[in-house]
Amino acid sequence: MTSPTGPRLFPEVGREVREHDRGVLPFEHLRALVADGVMSSSEQIDEGQLQPASIDLRLGAYALQVRASFLPGRGTTVLEATEDLLVQRISLEDGAVLQKGAVYIIPLLESLDLAGTPGLLAKANPKSTTGRLDVFARLITDRADQFDIIDRGYQGPLFAEVSPKTFNVRVRQGTRLNQLRFVRGRSASSHASRRAADEESLVFDEHGEPIKATVDSGIWFSVDLSGSAGDRAVGWKARGEAPVIDLERIGYYDPEDFWEAVRPSRQLILTPDAFYILGSKERVRVPPTYAAEMLPYDQAMGEFRVHYAGFFDPGFGYGAGELQGTRAILEVRSHEIPYALKDGQRIGRLMYERMLAVPERLYGAGAGSSYQDQGLGLSKQFKRSLTPS
């Protein structure tokens, strides 16, 4: 990557961060973070890793299979914490299969040095493709007491905790499962979501007509189980046994080998521990001045969860302003008991955050985005042409 020249990313370091200095860092600031060594790597960071408001992280050369998930805690590094839990070390240089139900700790190629950027924190989420394959992937740092949050001032390596839940998956060094978003000042708030809804239409119906957003600790949306006239499926349910999925094979697999179609209905009874891909009834969008995050399971919603939190980049469902929203894709699982999910039931919410600046690169095909105008939204490893029979 070519290093940009010019002043420091934050020339005002040392003074109090003002309101207009707060927000999510955009593409061009992420590029400066790399150039300034705030994020570094044992291998060159490719510009293709930089998204409108996040950076893709890459798996390193090996994985440590461990007996259990853990957090290292304030006095311990990640590698020290693995010593009593280690099952085996697996090379990823030529690729390896991660088995469903197993837990792996994988050093990432990237590391961070936030010591010289006061007020800057980072938070991680699985990439869209990771969630849609039901691969549980969380970020861990040395001496951490929480997942996916990197404290201000952190200096050190990054690790992914990876646990496939439904499919065995083949990964290799360089595979991207997680992404990192940098925030200056405060993080997401209900106030930002309400302000975004006041500024322009964020929610649309299936015909592209704007509808009033329900703003309550974020922008709410509901699940679509009835579909449009003529729809033969409104979602997918993962099959219990399926072949290994190689994450590097794009548009390769036949969905019917891995999924069965969910037919339109007024309600869907979720089978305990089965994994479903469903869609929102509403179409949502994220203006260029905002980023958004799908919040994880809220216990008040019922005995199920929208399985993964996720980042929504500036321009999602927006394009150059001509798109009237894009459906949110929901990774749903019921735990312990069957749960009757009803058509139109509230199932998730987006929390909006102000961008520090409008990104030079917005979400869409030009940014390498795979899901701008998605239908049922299976991951990019599956063929798109199949119509459920």
Protein backbone atom coordinates (compact mmCIF):
# COMPACT_ATOMS: atom_id res chain seq x y z
CA MET A 1 0.00 0.00 0.00
CA THR A 2 1.31 3.46 -0.84
CA SER A 3 1.65 5.65 2.26
CA PRO A 4 -0.12 9.00 1.97
CA THR A 5 1.81 12.13 2.83
CA GLY A 6 0.57 15.06 4.85
CA PRO A 7 -0.22 15.97 8.48
CA ARG A 8 -0.87 13.46 11.23
CA LEU A 9 -4.25 11.78 11.20
CA PHE A 10 -5.27 13.71 14.32
CA PRO A 11 -3.15 16.90 14.45
CA GLU A 12 -5.23 18.17 17.38
CA VAL A 13 -4.06 15.33 19.69
CA GLY A 14 -3.61 16.67 23.21
CA ARG A 15 -6.77 18.75 23.40
CA GLU A 16 -10.27 17.67 24.36
CA VAL A 17 -12.17 15.90 21.59
CA ARG A 18 -15.00 18.18 20.44
CA GLU A 19 -18.42 17.06 19.19
CA HIS A 20 -17.54 17.45 15.52
CA ASP A 21 -14.35 15.40 16.10
CA ARG A 22 -16.35 12.38 17.27
CA GLY A 23 -17.39 9.52 15.02
CA VAL A 24 -16.48 6.41 13.06
CA LEU A 25 -13.28 6.63 11.01
CA PRO A 26 -13.88 6.47 7.23
CA PHE A 27 -11.89 4.73 4.51
CA GLU A 28 -9.30 7.48 4.02
CA HIS A 29 -8.58 7.69 7.76
CA LEU A 30 -8.17 3.92 7.90
CA ARG A 31 -5.60 4.18 5.14
CA ALA A 32 -3.76 6.80 7.24
CA LEU A 33 -3.86 4.50 10.28
CA VAL A 34 -2.00 1.89 8.26
CA ALA A 35 0.48 4.43 6.88
CA ASP A 36 1.18 5.75 10.41
CA GLY A 37 1.73 2.24 11.81
CA VAL A 38 -1.29 2.33 14.12
CA MET A 39 -2.28 -0.91 12.40
CA SER A 40 0.61 -2.99 11.16
CA SER A 41 1.10 -6.50 9.85
CA SER A 42 3.71 -9.16 9.33
CA GLU A 43 2.55 -9.08 5.69
CA GLN A 44 1.64 -6.00 3.68
CA ILE A 45 -1.88 -4.71 4.33
CA ASP A 46 -3.72 -4.68 1.03
CA GLU A 47 -6.00 -1.76 0.19
CA GLY A 48 -8.69 -4.32 -0.59
CA GLN A 49 -8.95 -4.92 3.18
CA LEU A 50 -10.14 -1.34 3.68
CA GLN A 51 -13.91 -0.95 3.64
CA PRO A 52 -15.89 2.33 3.86
CA ALA A 53 -15.82 2.20 7.68
CA SER A 54 -13.86 -0.90 8.70
CA ILE A 55 -10.74 -2.97 8.03
CA ASP A 56 -10.85 -6.70 7.26
CA LEU A 57 -8.57 -8.80 9.45
CA ARG A 58 -6.69 -11.87 8.19
CA LEU A 59 -5.98 -15.21 9.82
CA GLY A 60 -2.33 -15.97 10.51
CA ALA A 61 -0.22 -19.04 9.85
CA TYR A 62 -1.62 -21.41 12.49
CA ALA A 63 -4.60 -22.17 14.70
CA LEU A 64 -4.61 -23.46 18.27
CA GLN A 65 -7.49 -25.82 18.99
CA VAL A 66 -8.48 -25.38 22.64
CA ARG A 67 -10.88 -27.20 24.96
CA ALA A 68 -12.99 -24.16 25.77
CA SER A 69 -13.63 -20.52 25.04
CA PHE A 70 -12.02 -18.06 27.44
CA LEU A 71 -11.03 -14.48 28.15
CA PRO A 72 -7.43 -14.01 29.31
CA GLY A 73 -8.21 -11.34 31.93
CA ARG A 74 -6.15 -8.33 32.89
CA GLY A 75 -3.02 -10.18 33.96
CA THR A 76 -2.59 -12.69 31.14
CA THR A 77 -1.80 -12.78 27.44
CA VAL A 78 -3.89 -14.85 25.04
CA LEU A 79 -1.09 -17.33 24.33
CA GLU A 80 -0.43 -17.80 28.06
CA ALA A 81 -4.11 -18.53 28.60
CA THR A 82 -4.09 -21.26 25.91
CA GLU A 83 -1.37 -23.31 27.61
CA ASP A 84 -3.69 -25.29 29.91
CA LEU A 85 -6.43 -25.58 27.27
CA LEU A 86 -4.42 -26.62 24.21
CA VAL A 87 -5.58 -29.64 22.20
CA GLN A 88 -3.41 -29.27 19.10
CA ARG A 89 -1.66 -26.74 16.86
CA ILE A 90 -2.78 -26.72 13.21
CA SER A 91 -0.93 -25.13 10.30
CA LEU A 92 -3.06 -22.87 8.07
CA GLU A 93 -0.35 -22.11 5.52
CA ASP A 94 -1.71 -24.66 3.04
CA GLY A 95 -5.25 -24.58 4.40
CA ALA A 96 -7.01 -26.67 7.06
CA VAL A 97 -10.55 -27.70 8.00
CA LEU A 98 -12.02 -26.24 11.17
CA GLN A 99 -14.47 -28.73 12.65
CA LYS A 100 -17.92 -27.65 13.79
CA GLY A 101 -18.26 -27.60 17.55
CA ALA A 102 -14.52 -27.13 18.11
CA VAL A 103 -12.94 -23.90 19.41
CA TYR A 104 -9.84 -22.38 17.84
CA ILE A 105 -7.61 -19.45 18.79
CA ILE A 106 -5.93 -17.99 15.69
CA PRO A 107 -3.31 -15.23 15.78
CA LEU A 108 -4.09 -12.61 13.15
CA LEU A 109 -1.60 -11.09 10.74
CA GLU A 110 -2.50 -7.58 11.95
CA SER A 111 -1.55 -5.91 15.24
CA LEU A 112 -2.41 -2.55 16.82
CA ASP A 113 -0.69 0.35 18.50
CA LEU A 114 -3.26 2.83 19.81
CA ALA A 115 -0.90 4.49 22.28
CA GLY A 116 -0.38 7.59 20.12
CA THR A 117 -4.05 8.17 19.27
CA PRO A 118 -5.89 9.28 22.44
CA GLY A 119 -9.64 8.87 22.33
CA LEU A 120 -9.52 6.13 19.69
CA LEU A 121 -11.04 2.73 20.40
CA ALA A 122 -11.81 -0.19 18.14
CA LYS A 123 -14.55 -2.80 18.02
CA ALA A 124 -14.87 -5.94 15.96
CA ASN A 125 -17.65 -7.94 14.34
CA PRO A 126 -17.70 -11.01 12.10
CA LYS A 127 -17.91 -10.24 8.40
CA SER A 128 -21.27 -10.85 6.73
CA THR A 129 -20.07 -14.04 5.07
CA THR A 130 -18.80 -15.38 8.39
CA GLY A 131 -22.18 -14.95 10.07
CA ARG A 132 -24.13 -16.41 7.16
CA LEU A 133 -22.10 -19.60 7.44
CA ASP A 134 -22.82 -19.77 11.20
CA VAL A 135 -19.15 -19.43 12.04
CA PHE A 136 -18.77 -17.88 15.49
CA ALA A 137 -15.79 -15.51 15.26
CA ARG A 138 -14.80 -13.04 17.99
CA LEU A 139 -11.77 -10.86 18.50
CA ILE A 140 -9.55 -11.23 21.58
CA THR A 141 -6.60 -9.15 22.75
CA ASP A 142 -4.00 -9.70 25.44
CA ARG A 143 -5.21 -8.94 28.98
CA ALA A 144 -8.77 -8.43 27.79
CA ASP A 145 -11.86 -9.00 29.92
CA GLN A 146 -14.33 -8.64 27.02
CA PHE A 147 -14.59 -9.83 23.45
CA ASP A 148 -14.64 -7.61 20.35
CA ILE A 149 -13.71 -4.37 22.15
CA ILE A 150 -10.16 -3.01 22.01
CA ASP A 151 -9.47 -0.51 24.75
CA ARG A 152 -8.00 2.92 24.13
CA GLY A 153 -4.20 2.81 24.20
CA TYR A 154 -3.90 -0.94 23.44
CA GLN A 155 -0.58 -2.10 22.01
CA GLY A 156 -0.18 -5.67 20.91
CA PRO A 157 -1.31 -8.62 18.79
CA LEU A 158 -4.83 -9.53 17.74
CA PHE A 159 -6.44 -12.98 17.88
CA ALA A 160 -9.65 -14.52 16.59
CA GLU A 161 -11.64 -17.06 18.55
CA VAL A 162 -13.33 -19.17 15.88
CA SER A 163 -15.94 -21.89 16.35
CA PRO A 164 -17.95 -23.22 13.37
CA LYS A 165 -21.47 -24.10 14.52
CA THR A 166 -23.22 -25.69 11.54
CA PHE A 167 -20.69 -26.43 8.78
CA ASN A 168 -17.11 -27.66 8.71
CA VAL A 169 -15.14 -24.90 6.94
CA ARG A 170 -11.78 -24.81 5.23
CA VAL A 171 -9.69 -21.70 5.92
CA ARG A 172 -6.09 -20.71 5.26
CA GLN A 173 -3.62 -18.01 6.13
CA GLY A 174 -5.10 -14.74 4.88
CA THR A 175 -8.78 -15.78 5.20
CA ARG A 176 -10.86 -12.84 6.44
CA LEU A 177 -13.43 -13.67 9.13
CA ASN A 178 -13.51 -10.49 11.25
CA GLN A 179 -13.53 -6.76 10.62
CA LEU A 180 -12.47 -3.88 12.81
CA ARG A 181 -14.15 -0.48 13.13
CA PHE A 182 -12.44 2.50 14.77
CA VAL A 183 -14.42 5.08 16.74
CA ARG A 184 -13.22 8.42 18.04
CA GLY A 185 -15.06 9.72 21.07
CA ARG A 186 -18.40 8.21 22.04
CA SER A 187 -19.73 5.09 20.38
CA ALA A 188 -23.26 4.46 19.05
CA SER A 189 -26.20 6.12 20.77
CA SER A 190 -29.98 6.30 20.46
CA HIS A 191 -29.60 10.03 19.84
CA ALA A 192 -27.58 9.41 16.67
CA SER A 193 -30.17 6.93 15.37
CA ARG A 194 -32.99 9.39 15.97
CA ARG A 195 -31.07 12.19 14.30
CA ALA A 196 -30.35 10.00 11.27
CA ALA A 197 -34.08 9.17 10.97
CA ASP A 198 -34.96 12.87 11.18
CA GLU A 199 -32.52 13.80 8.40
CA GLU A 200 -33.84 11.44 5.72
CA SER A 201 -35.78 8.25 5.05
CA LEU A 202 -34.03 5.16 6.37
CA VAL A 203 -36.77 2.52 6.06
CA PHE A 204 -38.83 1.49 2.99
CA ASP A 205 -41.47 -1.10 2.23
CA GLU A 206 -41.08 -3.89 -0.34
CA HIS A 207 -42.17 -1.52 -3.13
CA GLY A 208 -39.56 1.10 -2.26
CA GLU A 209 -42.00 3.49 -0.60
CA PRO A 210 -40.65 5.27 2.49
CA ILE A 211 -42.25 4.34 5.80
CA LYS A 212 -41.85 5.90 9.22
CA ALA A 213 -38.92 4.44 11.13
CA THR A 214 -39.61 2.94 14.55
CA VAL A 215 -36.88 4.52 16.67
CA ASP A 216 -36.40 2.97 20.11
CA SER A 217 -32.76 2.40 21.04
CA GLY A 218 -32.06 2.11 17.34
CA ILE A 219 -34.07 1.58 14.15
CA TRP A 220 -36.25 -1.54 14.41
CA PHE A 221 -37.19 -3.94 11.65
CA SER A 222 -39.34 -7.09 11.46
CA VAL A 223 -39.03 -10.54 9.94
CA ASP A 224 -40.61 -11.45 6.60
CA LEU A 225 -42.20 -14.91 6.60
CA SER A 226 -45.02 -14.29 4.10
CA GLY A 227 -42.93 -12.96 1.20
CA SER A 228 -44.24 -11.29 -1.93
CA ALA A 229 -46.78 -12.85 -4.29
CA GLY A 230 -45.16 -15.74 -6.10
CA ASP A 231 -42.24 -16.18 -3.68
CA ARG A 232 -41.39 -19.86 -3.34
CA ALA A 233 -39.15 -19.38 -0.31
CA VAL A 234 -38.68 -16.74 2.38
CA GLY A 235 -35.52 -18.15 3.89
CA TRP A 236 -33.23 -21.11 4.39
CA LYS A 237 -32.72 -23.70 7.12
CA ALA A 238 -29.29 -25.34 7.35
CA ARG A 239 -29.15 -29.10 6.80
CA GLY A 240 -27.75 -31.19 9.62
CA GLU A 241 -25.04 -32.88 7.55
CA ALA A 242 -23.30 -31.17 4.65
CA PRO A 243 -19.94 -31.16 2.82
CA VAL A 244 -17.01 -29.00 3.90
CA ILE A 245 -17.20 -25.38 2.70
CA ASP A 246 -13.96 -23.89 1.40
CA LEU A 247 -14.25 -20.15 2.09
CA GLU A 248 -12.07 -19.31 -0.92
CA ARG A 249 -14.53 -20.85 -3.40
CA ILE A 250 -16.90 -18.11 -4.55
CA GLY A 251 -20.21 -18.93 -6.29
CA TYR A 252 -19.22 -22.60 -6.18
CA TYR A 253 -21.63 -24.59 -4.01
CA ASP A 254 -25.17 -25.71 -4.78
CA PRO A 255 -27.40 -24.34 -1.99
CA GLU A 256 -29.58 -27.47 -1.97
CA ASP A 257 -26.62 -29.52 -0.67
CA PHE A 258 -26.49 -27.33 2.43
CA TRP A 259 -29.91 -25.72 2.90
CA GLU A 260 -33.60 -26.47 2.70
CA ALA A 261 -36.03 -23.74 1.72
CA VAL A 262 -38.36 -22.09 4.26
CA ARG A 263 -41.78 -21.71 2.63
CA PRO A 264 -43.99 -18.64 3.02
CA SER A 265 -46.28 -18.84 6.04
CA ARG A 266 -47.80 -16.77 8.84
CA GLN A 267 -45.42 -18.27 11.39
CA LEU A 268 -42.30 -20.41 11.53
CA ILE A 269 -41.60 -22.78 14.42
CA LEU A 270 -37.87 -22.62 15.01
CA THR A 271 -36.28 -25.99 15.74
CA PRO A 272 -33.96 -25.78 18.78
CA ASP A 273 -30.35 -25.19 17.73
CA ALA A 274 -31.19 -25.19 14.02
CA PHE A 275 -29.74 -22.32 11.98
CA TYR A 276 -31.90 -20.16 9.71
CA ILE A 277 -31.28 -17.41 7.17
CA LEU A 278 -34.28 -15.05 7.01
CA GLY A 279 -34.88 -11.55 5.68
CA SER A 280 -36.35 -8.35 7.06
CA LYS A 281 -39.75 -7.20 5.87
CA GLU A 282 -38.47 -3.64 5.63
CA ARG A 283 -35.68 -2.37 3.39
CA VAL A 284 -33.16 -0.25 5.28
CA ARG A 285 -30.37 2.04 4.26
CA VAL A 286 -27.38 3.83 5.76
CA PRO A 287 -26.61 7.33 4.43
CA PRO A 288 -22.97 8.25 3.66
CA THR A 289 -22.76 10.38 6.82
CA TYR A 290 -23.51 7.40 9.08
CA ALA A 291 -22.42 3.86 9.84
CA ALA A 292 -24.68 1.34 11.59
CA GLU A 293 -24.46 -1.83 13.62
CA MET A 294 -27.03 -4.59 14.01
CA LEU A 295 -27.33 -5.22 17.71
CA PRO A 296 -27.18 -8.79 19.02
CA TYR A 297 -29.87 -10.74 20.80
CA ASP A 298 -32.16 -8.90 23.19
CA GLN A 299 -33.61 -11.32 25.77
CA ALA A 300 -36.88 -9.39 25.84
CA MET A 301 -37.52 -10.40 22.21
CA GLY A 302 -38.09 -14.10 22.98
CA GLU A 303 -36.34 -17.45 23.25
CA PHE A 304 -34.35 -16.99 20.07
CA ARG A 305 -31.58 -14.75 18.90
CA VAL A 306 -30.53 -12.91 15.78
CA HIS A 307 -27.29 -14.79 15.98
CA TYR A 308 -24.63 -12.24 15.10
CA ALA A 309 -24.14 -8.54 15.49
CA GLY A 310 -22.90 -6.96 12.30
CA PHE A 311 -21.53 -3.77 10.77
CA PHE A 312 -23.49 -1.91 8.10
CA ASP A 313 -21.24 0.45 6.14
CA PRO A 314 -22.07 3.94 4.84
CA GLY A 315 -23.95 3.54 1.56
CA PHE A 316 -25.62 0.22 2.44
CA GLY A 317 -28.97 0.21 0.65
CA TYR A 318 -28.17 3.71 -0.54
CA GLY A 319 -25.70 3.61 -3.39
CA ALA A 320 -25.53 7.08 -4.95
CA GLY A 321 -28.88 7.87 -3.33
CA GLU A 322 -31.00 5.99 -5.86
CA LEU A 323 -31.49 2.74 -3.91
CA GLN A 324 -34.61 2.59 -1.79
CA GLY A 325 -33.04 0.42 0.87
CA THR A 326 -31.81 -3.16 1.07
CA ARG A 327 -33.21 -6.00 3.15
CA ALA A 328 -31.34 -6.87 6.33
CA ILE A 329 -30.40 -10.55 6.42
CA LEU A 330 -30.99 -12.28 9.74
CA GLU A 331 -29.08 -15.26 11.12
CA VAL A 332 -31.57 -16.79 13.53
CA ARG A 333 -31.32 -19.59 16.07
CA SER A 334 -33.68 -20.82 18.79
CA HIS A 335 -32.17 -22.19 21.99
CA GLU A 336 -33.39 -25.12 24.12
CA ILE A 337 -37.08 -24.99 23.21
CA PRO A 338 -39.06 -24.56 19.96
CA TYR A 339 -40.12 -20.98 19.31
CA ALA A 340 -42.99 -19.77 17.10
CA LEU A 341 -41.74 -16.78 15.13
CA LYS A 342 -44.58 -14.76 13.55
CA ASP A 343 -44.60 -12.90 10.26
CA GLY A 344 -43.97 -9.20 10.90
CA GLN A 345 -42.58 -9.77 14.40
CA ARG A 346 -39.87 -7.32 15.49
CA ILE A 347 -36.61 -9.18 15.35
CA GLY A 348 -33.69 -6.75 15.16
CA ARG A 349 -32.51 -3.16 15.26
CA LEU A 350 -29.82 -1.00 13.79
CA MET A 351 -27.89 1.49 15.89
CA TYR A 352 -26.56 4.40 13.83
CA GLU A 353 -23.30 6.26 14.44
CA ARG A 354 -22.11 9.50 12.92
CA MET A 355 -19.12 9.21 10.58
CA LEU A 356 -16.11 11.39 11.30
CA ALA A 357 -16.22 12.24 7.56
CA VAL A 358 -18.01 10.97 4.47
CA PRO A 359 -15.88 8.08 3.14
CA GLU A 360 -14.17 8.36 -0.22
CA ARG A 361 -15.42 4.81 -0.83
CA LEU A 362 -19.04 3.86 -0.09
CA TYR A 363 -20.64 0.43 0.28
CA GLY A 364 -21.39 -1.17 -3.07
CA ALA A 365 -19.85 -3.15 -5.91
CA GLY A 366 -17.07 -0.59 -6.32
CA ALA A 367 -15.92 -1.29 -2.76
CA GLY A 368 -15.99 -5.06 -3.28
CA SER A 369 -19.29 -5.42 -1.40
CA SER A 370 -21.26 -8.59 -2.09
CA TYR A 371 -24.69 -7.88 -0.63
CA GLN A 372 -25.87 -4.44 -1.79
CA ASP A 373 -29.17 -5.56 -3.31
CA GLN A 374 -29.44 -9.00 -1.79
CA GLY A 375 -32.34 -11.40 -2.01
CA LEU A 376 -32.34 -14.30 0.44
CA GLY A 377 -28.73 -13.51 1.16
CA LEU A 378 -26.79 -16.78 1.37
CA SER A 379 -23.04 -16.27 1.66
CA LYS A 380 -21.01 -15.62 -1.48
CA GLN A 381 -19.69 -19.20 -1.57
CA PHE A 382 -23.07 -20.37 -2.95
CA LYS A 383 -24.41 -20.19 -6.49
CA ARG A 384 -26.92 -17.38 -6.98
CA SER A 385 -28.95 -18.80 -9.83
CA LEU A 386 -30.79 -21.53 -7.95
CA THR A 387 -34.54 -21.08 -7.41
CA PRO A 388 -35.91 -23.20 -4.56
CA SER A 389 -38.07 -26.05 -5.89
